[in-house]
């Protein structure tokens, strides 16, 4: 709703009780920090950052370890297949 002659785009509509305390424009609202009581304590941003990096590193290390384990299994399987192939060649079963 636009007020006549003011050019303001946003204006609060006054209804019911407490209309006098409702700000008329968005610019009239207070933007200052107001502490509240009874809220739960907040964590430090630095602590959260360190925890996030630690989690990422742990996940990365677990992933790399699993890759190494899988690679060892593949290497053992290839070695077993090479032995089997060599035996087959020695017997004349393969060209």
PDB file of N, CA and C in Angstrom:
ATOM      1  N   UNK A   1       0.856  -1.166   0.000  1.00  0.00           N
ATOM      2  CA  UNK A   1       0.000   0.000   0.000  1.00  0.00           C
ATOM      3  C   UNK A   1       0.900   1.226   0.000  1.00  0.00           C
ATOM      4  N   UNK A   2       0.602   2.196  -0.863  1.00  0.00           N
ATOM      5  CA  UNK A   2       1.448   3.381  -0.965  1.00  0.00           C
ATOM      6  C   UNK A   2       0.717   4.570  -0.365  1.00  0.00           C
ATOM      7  N   UNK A   3       1.407   5.273   0.530  1.00  0.00           N
ATOM      8  CA  UNK A   3       0.815   6.445   1.152  1.00  0.00           C
ATOM      9  C   UNK A   3       0.845   7.603   0.161  1.00  0.00           C
ATOM     10  N   UNK A   4      -0.163   8.441   0.245  1.00  0.00           N
ATOM     11  CA  UNK A   4      -0.243   9.567  -0.678  1.00  0.00           C
ATOM     12  C   UNK A   4       0.829  10.591  -0.364  1.00  0.00           C
ATOM     13  N   UNK A   5       1.592  10.970  -1.389  1.00  0.00           N
ATOM     14  CA  UNK A   5       2.558  12.041  -1.236  1.00  0.00           C
ATOM     15  C   UNK A   5       3.866  11.624  -0.590  1.00  0.00           C
ATOM     16  N   UNK A   6       3.973  10.444   0.001  1.00  0.00           N
ATOM     17  CA  UNK A   6       5.218  10.064   0.663  1.00  0.00           C
ATOM     18  C   UNK A   6       6.123   9.278  -0.263  1.00  0.00           C
ATOM     19  N   UNK A   7       5.579   8.558  -1.209  1.00  0.00           N
ATOM     20  CA  UNK A   7       6.400   7.781  -2.126  1.00  0.00           C
ATOM     21  C   UNK A   7       6.915   6.491  -1.509  1.00  0.00           C
ATOM     22  N   UNK A   8       6.500   6.152  -0.281  1.00  0.00           N
ATOM     23  CA  UNK A   8       6.943   4.919   0.368  1.00  0.00           C
ATOM     24  C   UNK A   8       6.177   3.736  -0.210  1.00  0.00           C
ATOM     25  N   UNK A   9       6.892   2.658  -0.494  1.00  0.00           N
ATOM     26  CA  UNK A   9       6.254   1.464  -1.038  1.00  0.00           C
ATOM     27  C   UNK A   9       5.621   0.614   0.056  1.00  0.00           C
ATOM     28  N   UNK A  10       6.282   0.535   1.206  1.00  0.00           N
ATOM     29  CA  UNK A  10       5.845  -0.385   2.242  1.00  0.00           C
ATOM     30  C   UNK A  10       5.383   0.383   3.464  1.00  0.00           C
ATOM     31  N   UNK A  11       4.192   0.060   3.902  1.00  0.00           N
ATOM     32  CA  UNK A  11       3.660   0.728   5.075  1.00  0.00           C
ATOM     33  C   UNK A  11       2.834  -0.292   5.861  1.00  0.00           C
ATOM     34  N   UNK A  12       3.028  -0.350   7.173  1.00  0.00           N
ATOM     35  CA  UNK A  12       2.303  -1.309   8.000  1.00  0.00           C
ATOM     36  C   UNK A  12       0.841  -0.906   8.087  1.00  0.00           C
ATOM     37  N   UNK A  13      -0.029  -1.895   8.150  1.00  0.00           N
ATOM     38  CA  UNK A  13      -1.454  -1.645   8.304  1.00  0.00           C
ATOM     39  C   UNK A  13      -1.777  -1.704   9.786  1.00  0.00           C
ATOM     40  N   UNK A  14      -2.427  -0.676  10.288  1.00  0.00           N
ATOM     41  CA  UNK A  14      -2.760  -0.609  11.703  1.00  0.00           C
ATOM     42  C   UNK A  14      -4.069  -1.340  11.945  1.00  0.00           C
ATOM     43  N   UNK A  15      -3.987  -2.403  12.776  1.00  0.00           N
ATOM     44  CA  UNK A  15      -5.210  -3.126  13.132  1.00  0.00           C
ATOM     45  C   UNK A  15      -5.129  -3.544  14.581  1.00  0.00           C
ATOM     46  N   UNK A  16      -6.217  -3.501  15.270  1.00  0.00           N
ATOM     47  CA  UNK A  16      -6.320  -4.027  16.629  1.00  0.00           C
ATOM     48  C   UNK A  16      -5.408  -3.343  17.619  1.00  0.00           C
ATOM     49  N   UNK A  17      -5.123  -4.079  18.742  1.00  0.00           N
ATOM     50  CA  UNK A  17      -4.277  -3.542  19.806  1.00  0.00           C
ATOM     51  C   UNK A  17      -2.827  -3.488  19.348  1.00  0.00           C
ATOM     52  N   UNK A  18      -2.086  -2.598  19.918  1.00  0.00           N
ATOM     53  CA  UNK A  18      -0.660  -2.503  19.650  1.00  0.00           C
ATOM     54  C   UNK A  18      -0.347  -1.827  18.329  1.00  0.00           C
ATOM     55  N   UNK A  19      -1.331  -1.222  17.708  1.00  0.00           N
ATOM     56  CA  UNK A  19      -1.094  -0.579  16.428  1.00  0.00           C
ATOM     57  C   UNK A  19      -0.162   0.615  16.587  1.00  0.00           C
ATOM     58  N   UNK A  20      -0.172   1.234  17.746  1.00  0.00           N
ATOM     59  CA  UNK A  20       0.690   2.391  17.964  1.00  0.00           C
ATOM     60  C   UNK A  20       2.154   1.979  18.021  1.00  0.00           C
ATOM     61  N   UNK A  21       2.459   0.754  18.474  1.00  0.00           N
ATOM     62  CA  UNK A  21       3.841   0.323  18.576  1.00  0.00           C
ATOM     63  C   UNK A  21       4.343  -0.318  17.283  1.00  0.00           C
ATOM     64  N   UNK A  22       3.460  -0.576  16.321  1.00  0.00           N
ATOM     65  CA  UNK A  22       3.859  -1.175  15.057  1.00  0.00           C
ATOM     66  C   UNK A  22       4.553  -0.121  14.210  1.00  0.00           C
ATOM     67  N   UNK A  23       5.712  -0.422  13.659  1.00  0.00           N
ATOM     68  CA  UNK A  23       6.403   0.563  12.832  1.00  0.00           C
ATOM     69  C   UNK A  23       5.616   0.849  11.556  1.00  0.00           C
ATOM     70  N   UNK A  24       5.694   2.069  11.102  1.00  0.00           N
ATOM     71  CA  UNK A  24       4.980   2.487   9.907  1.00  0.00           C
ATOM     72  C   UNK A  24       5.725   2.058   8.645  1.00  0.00           C
ATOM     73  N   UNK A  25       7.060   2.117   8.656  1.00  0.00           N
ATOM     74  CA  UNK A  25       7.866   1.778   7.482  1.00  0.00           C
ATOM     75  C   UNK A  25       8.957   0.797   7.880  1.00  0.00           C
ATOM     76  N   UNK A  26       9.514   0.143   6.898  1.00  0.00           N
ATOM     77  CA  UNK A  26      10.600  -0.795   7.163  1.00  0.00           C
ATOM     78  C   UNK A  26      11.814  -0.073   7.739  1.00  0.00           C
ATOM     79  N   UNK A  27      12.048   1.149   7.360  1.00  0.00           N
ATOM     80  CA  UNK A  27      13.204   1.907   7.842  1.00  0.00           C
ATOM     81  C   UNK A  27      13.069   2.295   9.306  1.00  0.00           C
ATOM     82  N   UNK A  28      11.857   2.291   9.839  1.00  0.00           N
ATOM     83  CA  UNK A  28      11.637   2.698  11.229  1.00  0.00           C
ATOM     84  C   UNK A  28      11.970   1.585  12.224  1.00  0.00           C
ATOM     85  N   UNK A  29      12.084   0.356  11.743  1.00  0.00           N
ATOM     86  CA  UNK A  29      12.379  -0.753  12.642  1.00  0.00           C
ATOM     87  C   UNK A  29      13.817  -0.667  13.138  1.00  0.00           C
ATOM     88  N   UNK A  30      14.005  -1.101  14.355  1.00  0.00           N
ATOM     89  CA  UNK A  30      15.339  -1.116  14.942  1.00  0.00           C
ATOM     90  C   UNK A  30      16.135  -2.291  14.387  1.00  0.00           C
ATOM     91  N   UNK A  31      17.395  -2.044  14.045  1.00  0.00           N
ATOM     92  CA  UNK A  31      18.260  -3.108  13.553  1.00  0.00           C
ATOM     93  C   UNK A  31      19.381  -3.395  14.539  1.00  0.00           C
ATOM     94  N   UNK A  32      19.303  -2.831  15.728  1.00  0.00           N
ATOM     95  CA  UNK A  32      20.340  -3.047  16.733  1.00  0.00           C
ATOM     96  C   UNK A  32      20.174  -4.420  17.367  1.00  0.00           C
ATOM     97  N   UNK A  33      21.276  -4.970  17.839  1.00  0.00           N
ATOM     98  CA  UNK A  33      21.258  -6.278  18.505  1.00  0.00           C
ATOM     99  C   UNK A  33      20.581  -6.150  19.851  1.00  0.00           C
ATOM    100  N   UNK A  34      19.667  -7.065  20.126  1.00  0.00           N
ATOM    101  CA  UNK A  34      19.001  -7.100  21.418  1.00  0.00           C
ATOM    102  C   UNK A  34      19.163  -8.493  21.995  1.00  0.00           C
ATOM    103  N   UNK A  35      19.863  -8.608  23.107  1.00  0.00           N
ATOM    104  CA  UNK A  35      20.104  -9.899  23.743  1.00  0.00           C
ATOM    105  C   UNK A  35      18.804 -10.450  24.325  1.00  0.00           C
ATOM    106  N   UNK A  36      18.672 -11.746  24.279  1.00  0.00           N
ATOM    107  CA  UNK A  36      17.508 -12.391  24.880  1.00  0.00           C
ATOM    108  C   UNK A  36      17.979 -13.312  25.999  1.00  0.00           C
ATOM    109  N   UNK A  37      17.140 -13.513  26.960  1.00  0.00           N
ATOM    110  CA  UNK A  37      17.483 -14.378  28.075  1.00  0.00           C
ATOM    111  C   UNK A  37      16.767 -15.707  27.932  1.00  0.00           C
ATOM    112  N   UNK A  38      17.375 -16.760  28.456  1.00  0.00           N
ATOM    113  CA  UNK A  38      16.738 -18.061  28.456  1.00  0.00           C
ATOM    114  C   UNK A  38      17.002 -18.874  27.200  1.00  0.00           C
ATOM    115  N   UNK A  39      17.703 -18.321  26.237  1.00  0.00           N
ATOM    116  CA  UNK A  39      18.024 -19.076  25.037  1.00  0.00           C
ATOM    117  C   UNK A  39      19.167 -20.028  25.309  1.00  0.00           C
ATOM    118  N   UNK A  40      19.313 -21.012  24.442  1.00  0.00           N
ATOM    119  CA  UNK A  40      20.416 -21.944  24.656  1.00  0.00           C
ATOM    120  C   UNK A  40      21.713 -21.321  24.140  1.00  0.00           C
ATOM    121  N   UNK A  41      22.840 -21.665  24.754  1.00  0.00           N
ATOM    122  CA  UNK A  41      24.115 -21.071  24.351  1.00  0.00           C
ATOM    123  C   UNK A  41      24.497 -21.509  22.937  1.00  0.00           C
ATOM    124  N   UNK A  42      25.124 -20.604  22.225  1.00  0.00           N
ATOM    125  CA  UNK A  42      25.536 -20.878  20.851  1.00  0.00           C
ATOM    126  C   UNK A  42      26.984 -21.350  20.835  1.00  0.00           C
ATOM    127  N   UNK A  43      27.334 -22.149  19.813  1.00  0.00           N
ATOM    128  CA  UNK A  43      28.698 -22.631  19.680  1.00  0.00           C
ATOM    129  C   UNK A  43      29.534 -21.607  18.941  1.00  0.00           C
ATOM    130  N   UNK A  44      30.824 -21.685  19.176  1.00  0.00           N
ATOM    131  CA  UNK A  44      31.755 -20.798  18.495  1.00  0.00           C
ATOM    132  C   UNK A  44      31.847 -21.182  17.027  1.00  0.00           C
ATOM    133  N   UNK A  45      31.910 -20.183  16.165  1.00  0.00           N
ATOM    134  CA  UNK A  45      32.059 -20.446  14.743  1.00  0.00           C
ATOM    135  C   UNK A  45      33.395 -21.104  14.431  1.00  0.00           C
ATOM    136  N   UNK A  46      34.434 -20.735  15.163  1.00  0.00           N
ATOM    137  CA  UNK A  46      35.757 -21.333  14.949  1.00  0.00           C
ATOM    138  C   UNK A  46      35.729 -22.819  15.286  1.00  0.00           C
ATOM    139  N   UNK A  47      35.044 -23.163  16.371  1.00  0.00           N
ATOM    140  CA  UNK A  47      34.948 -24.567  16.786  1.00  0.00           C
ATOM    141  C   UNK A  47      34.210 -25.376  15.719  1.00  0.00           C
ATOM    142  N   UNK A  48      33.118 -24.822  15.199  1.00  0.00           N
ATOM    143  CA  UNK A  48      32.363 -25.509  14.157  1.00  0.00           C
ATOM    144  C   UNK A  48      33.198 -25.688  12.892  1.00  0.00           C
ATOM    145  N   UNK A  49      34.004 -24.687  12.548  1.00  0.00           N
ATOM    146  CA  UNK A  49      34.860 -24.778  11.369  1.00  0.00           C
ATOM    147  C   UNK A  49      35.891 -25.894  11.535  1.00  0.00           C
ATOM    148  N   UNK A  50      36.513 -25.956  12.707  1.00  0.00           N
ATOM    149  CA  UNK A  50      37.500 -27.008  12.975  1.00  0.00           C
ATOM    150  C   UNK A  50      36.838 -28.377  12.940  1.00  0.00           C
ATOM    151  N   UNK A  51      35.655 -28.499  13.525  1.00  0.00           N
ATOM    152  CA  UNK A  51      34.938 -29.774  13.505  1.00  0.00           C
ATOM    153  C   UNK A  51      34.582 -30.185  12.080  1.00  0.00           C
ATOM    154  N   UNK A  52      34.183 -29.232  11.257  1.00  0.00           N
ATOM    155  CA  UNK A  52      33.827 -29.545   9.872  1.00  0.00           C
ATOM    156  C   UNK A  52      35.058 -30.027   9.103  1.00  0.00           C
ATOM    157  N   UNK A  53      36.189 -29.336   9.263  1.00  0.00           N
ATOM    158  CA  UNK A  53      37.414 -29.768   8.585  1.00  0.00           C
ATOM    159  C   UNK A  53      37.853 -31.148   9.077  1.00  0.00           C
ATOM    160  N   UNK A  54      37.745 -31.388  10.371  1.00  0.00           N
ATOM    161  CA  UNK A  54      38.125 -32.697  10.914  1.00  0.00           C
ATOM    162  C   UNK A  54      37.242 -33.793  10.326  1.00  0.00           C
ATOM    163  N   UNK A  55      35.951 -33.536  10.239  1.00  0.00           N
ATOM    164  CA  UNK A  55      35.036 -34.527   9.664  1.00  0.00           C
ATOM    165  C   UNK A  55      35.378 -34.801   8.203  1.00  0.00           C
ATOM    166  N   UNK A  56      35.675 -33.756   7.456  1.00  0.00           N
ATOM    167  CA  UNK A  56      36.034 -33.933   6.037  1.00  0.00           C
ATOM    168  C   UNK A  56      37.311 -34.750   5.907  1.00  0.00           C
ATOM    169  N   UNK A  57      38.317 -34.452   6.738  1.00  0.00           N
ATOM    170  CA  UNK A  57      39.579 -35.203   6.670  1.00  0.00           C
ATOM    171  C   UNK A  57      39.371 -36.664   7.061  1.00  0.00           C
ATOM    172  N   UNK A  58      38.570 -36.911   8.080  1.00  0.00           N
ATOM    173  CA  UNK A  58      38.315 -38.299   8.498  1.00  0.00           C
ATOM    174  C   UNK A  58      37.612 -39.059   7.380  1.00  0.00           C
ATOM    175  N   UNK A  59      36.604 -38.453   6.783  1.00  0.00           N
ATOM    176  CA  UNK A  59      35.890 -39.096   5.680  1.00  0.00           C
ATOM    177  C   UNK A  59      36.835 -39.361   4.515  1.00  0.00           C
ATOM    178  N   UNK A  60      37.697 -38.393   4.202  1.00  0.00           N
ATOM    179  CA  UNK A  60      38.656 -38.558   3.104  1.00  0.00           C
ATOM    180  C   UNK A  60      39.632 -39.690   3.394  1.00  0.00           C
ATOM    181  N   UNK A  61      40.160 -39.751   4.607  1.00  0.00           N
ATOM    182  CA  UNK A  61      41.111 -40.805   4.953  1.00  0.00           C
ATOM    183  C   UNK A  61      40.460 -42.186   4.929  1.00  0.00           C
ATOM    184  N   UNK A  62      39.236 -42.290   5.407  1.00  0.00           N
ATOM    185  CA  UNK A  62      38.519 -43.570   5.359  1.00  0.00           C
ATOM    186  C   UNK A  62      38.292 -43.982   3.905  1.00  0.00           C
ATOM    187  N   UNK A  63      37.942 -43.043   3.054  1.00  0.00           N
ATOM    188  CA  UNK A  63      37.736 -43.325   1.637  1.00  0.00           C
ATOM    189  C   UNK A  63      39.031 -43.811   0.981  1.00  0.00           C
ATOM    190  N   UNK A  64      40.144 -43.135   1.268  1.00  0.00           N
ATOM    191  CA  UNK A  64      41.434 -43.535   0.692  1.00  0.00           C
ATOM    192  C   UNK A  64      41.842 -44.914   1.202  1.00  0.00           C
ATOM    193  N   UNK A  65      41.633 -45.181   2.482  1.00  0.00           N
ATOM    194  CA  UNK A  65      41.958 -46.508   3.028  1.00  0.00           C
ATOM    195  C   UNK A  65      41.134 -47.600   2.352  1.00  0.00           C
ATOM    196  N   UNK A  66      39.858 -47.321   2.100  1.00  0.00           N
ATOM    197  CA  UNK A  66      39.034 -48.322   1.421  1.00  0.00           C
ATOM    198  C   UNK A  66      39.506 -48.540  -0.014  1.00  0.00           C
ATOM    199  N   UNK A  67      39.970 -47.497  -0.671  1.00  0.00           N
ATOM    200  CA  UNK A  67      40.516 -47.645  -2.025  1.00  0.00           C
ATOM    201  C   UNK A  67      41.754 -48.540  -2.000  1.00  0.00           C
ATOM    202  N   UNK A  68      42.639 -48.336  -1.025  1.00  0.00           N
ATOM    203  CA  UNK A  68      43.842 -49.173  -0.917  1.00  0.00           C
ATOM    204  C   UNK A  68      43.472 -50.640  -0.680  1.00  0.00           C
ATOM    205  N   UNK A  69      42.485 -50.884   0.198  1.00  0.00           N
ATOM    206  CA  UNK A  69      42.057 -52.265   0.448  1.00  0.00           C
ATOM    207  C   UNK A  69      41.511 -52.912  -0.813  1.00  0.00           C
ATOM    208  N   UNK A  70      40.684 -52.190  -1.541  1.00  0.00           N
ATOM    209  CA  UNK A  70      40.131 -52.732  -2.779  1.00  0.00           C
ATOM    210  C   UNK A  70      41.224 -52.983  -3.817  1.00  0.00           C
ATOM    211  N   UNK A  71      42.195 -52.068  -3.887  1.00  0.00           N
ATOM    212  CA  UNK A  71      43.279 -52.232  -4.848  1.00  0.00           C
ATOM    213  C   UNK A  71      44.111 -53.467  -4.535  1.00  0.00           C
ATOM    214  N   UNK A  72      44.354 -53.731  -3.257  1.00  0.00           N
ATOM    215  CA  UNK A  72      45.096 -54.940  -2.870  1.00  0.00           C
ATOM    216  C   UNK A  72      44.338 -56.194  -3.291  1.00  0.00           C
ATOM    217  N   UNK A  73      43.012 -56.188  -3.098  1.00  0.00           N
ATOM    218  CA  UNK A  73      42.201 -57.327  -3.528  1.00  0.00           C
ATOM    219  C   UNK A  73      42.275 -57.526  -5.041  1.00  0.00           C
ATOM    220  N   UNK A  74      42.213 -56.434  -5.779  1.00  0.00           N
ATOM    221  CA  UNK A  74      42.304 -56.521  -7.241  1.00  0.00           C
ATOM    222  C   UNK A  74      43.676 -57.047  -7.649  1.00  0.00           C
ATOM    223  N   UNK A  75      44.735 -56.565  -6.994  1.00  0.00           N
ATOM    224  CA  UNK A  75      46.091 -57.034  -7.307  1.00  0.00           C
ATOM    225  C   UNK A  75      46.228 -58.540  -7.051  1.00  0.00           C
ATOM    226  N   UNK A  76      45.677 -59.013  -5.920  1.00  0.00           N
ATOM    227  CA  UNK A  76      45.724 -60.450  -5.621  1.00  0.00           C
ATOM    228  C   UNK A  76      44.943 -61.244  -6.657  1.00  0.00           C
ATOM    229  N   UNK A  77      43.811 -60.746  -7.052  1.00  0.00           N
ATOM    230  CA  UNK A  77      42.989 -61.442  -8.055  1.00  0.00           C
ATOM    231  C   UNK A  77      43.717 -61.500  -9.401  1.00  0.00           C
ATOM    232  N   UNK A  78      44.349 -60.402  -9.800  1.00  0.00           N
ATOM    233  CA  UNK A  78      45.102 -60.384 -11.062  1.00  0.00           C
ATOM    234  C   UNK A  78      46.265 -61.357 -11.002  1.00  0.00           C
ATOM    235  N   UNK A  79      46.960 -61.386  -9.864  1.00  0.00           N
ATOM    236  CA  UNK A  79      48.083 -62.316  -9.713  1.00  0.00           C
ATOM    237  C   UNK A  79      47.597 -63.763  -9.816  1.00  0.00           C
ATOM    238  N   UNK A  80      46.474 -64.073  -9.202  1.00  0.00           N
ATOM    239  CA  UNK A  80      45.921 -65.434  -9.270  1.00  0.00           C
ATOM    240  C   UNK A  80      45.525 -65.780 -10.700  1.00  0.00           C
ATOM    241  N   UNK A  81      44.948 -64.839 -11.415  1.00  0.00           N
ATOM    242  CA  UNK A  81      44.565 -65.080 -12.810  1.00  0.00           C
ATOM    243  C   UNK A  81      45.797 -65.267 -13.711  1.00  0.00           C
ATOM    244  N   UNK A  82      46.857 -64.497 -13.432  1.00  0.00           N
ATOM    245  CA  UNK A  82      48.090 -64.661 -14.213  1.00  0.00           C
ATOM    246  C   UNK A  82      48.694 -66.051 -13.995  1.00  0.00           C
ATOM    247  N   UNK A  83      48.670 -66.531 -12.747  1.00  0.00           N
ATOM    248  CA  UNK A  83      49.177 -67.872 -12.455  1.00  0.00           C
ATOM    249  C   UNK A  83      48.325 -68.920 -13.178  1.00  0.00           C
ATOM    250  N   UNK A  84      47.018 -68.770 -13.107  1.00  0.00           N
ATOM    251  CA  UNK A  84      46.125 -69.714 -13.777  1.00  0.00           C
ATOM    252  C   UNK A  84      46.335 -69.691 -15.291  1.00  0.00           C
ATOM    253  N   UNK A  85      46.545 -68.515 -15.852  1.00  0.00           N
ATOM    254  CA  UNK A  85      46.785 -68.380 -17.284  1.00  0.00           C
ATOM    255  C   UNK A  85      48.105 -69.032 -17.679  1.00  0.00           C
ATOM    256  N   UNK A  86      49.119 -68.835 -16.859  1.00  0.00           N
ATOM    257  CA  UNK A  86      50.431 -69.449 -17.129  1.00  0.00           C
ATOM    258  C   UNK A  86      50.344 -70.979 -17.079  1.00  0.00           C
ATOM    259  N   UNK A  87      49.616 -71.525 -16.099  1.00  0.00           N
ATOM    260  CA  UNK A  87      49.434 -72.976 -16.003  1.00  0.00           C
ATOM    261  C   UNK A  87      48.702 -73.507 -17.233  1.00  0.00           C
ATOM    262  N   UNK A  88      47.683 -72.749 -17.668  1.00  0.00           N
ATOM    263  CA  UNK A  88      46.918 -73.175 -18.842  1.00  0.00           C
ATOM    264  C   UNK A  88      47.795 -73.168 -20.089  1.00  0.00           C
ATOM    265  N   UNK A  89      48.677 -72.202 -20.202  1.00  0.00           N
ATOM    266  CA  UNK A  89      49.577 -72.143 -21.359  1.00  0.00           C
ATOM    267  C   UNK A  89      50.575 -73.299 -21.330  1.00  0.00           C
ATOM    268  N   UNK A  90      51.076 -73.622 -20.139  1.00  0.00           N
ATOM    269  CA  UNK A  90      52.056 -74.711 -20.003  1.00  0.00           C
ATOM    270  C   UNK A  90      51.432 -76.057 -20.394  1.00  0.00           C
ATOM    271  N   UNK A  91      50.158 -76.235 -20.112  1.00  0.00           N
ATOM    272  CA  UNK A  91      49.489 -77.483 -20.454  1.00  0.00           C
ATOM    273  C   UNK A  91      49.062 -77.525 -21.919  1.00  0.00           C
ATOM    274  N   UNK A  92      49.165 -76.418 -22.590  1.00  0.00           N
ATOM    275  CA  UNK A  92      48.792 -76.369 -24.000  1.00  0.00           C
ATOM    276  C   UNK A  92      47.323 -76.133 -24.211  1.00  0.00           C
ATOM    277  N   UNK A  93      46.653 -75.691 -23.203  1.00  0.00           N
ATOM    278  CA  UNK A  93      45.204 -75.441 -23.322  1.00  0.00           C
ATOM    279  C   UNK A  93      44.877 -74.127 -23.977  1.00  0.00           C
ATOM    280  N   UNK A  94      45.797 -73.185 -23.960  1.00  0.00           N
ATOM    281  CA  UNK A  94      45.525 -71.876 -24.538  1.00  0.00           C
ATOM    282  C   UNK A  94      46.477 -71.614 -25.698  1.00  0.00           C
ATOM    283  N   UNK A  95      46.041 -70.943 -26.752  1.00  0.00           N
ATOM    284  CA  UNK A  95      46.925 -70.691 -27.914  1.00  0.00           C
ATOM    285  C   UNK A  95      48.036 -69.722 -27.617  1.00  0.00           C
TER     286      UNK A  95
END
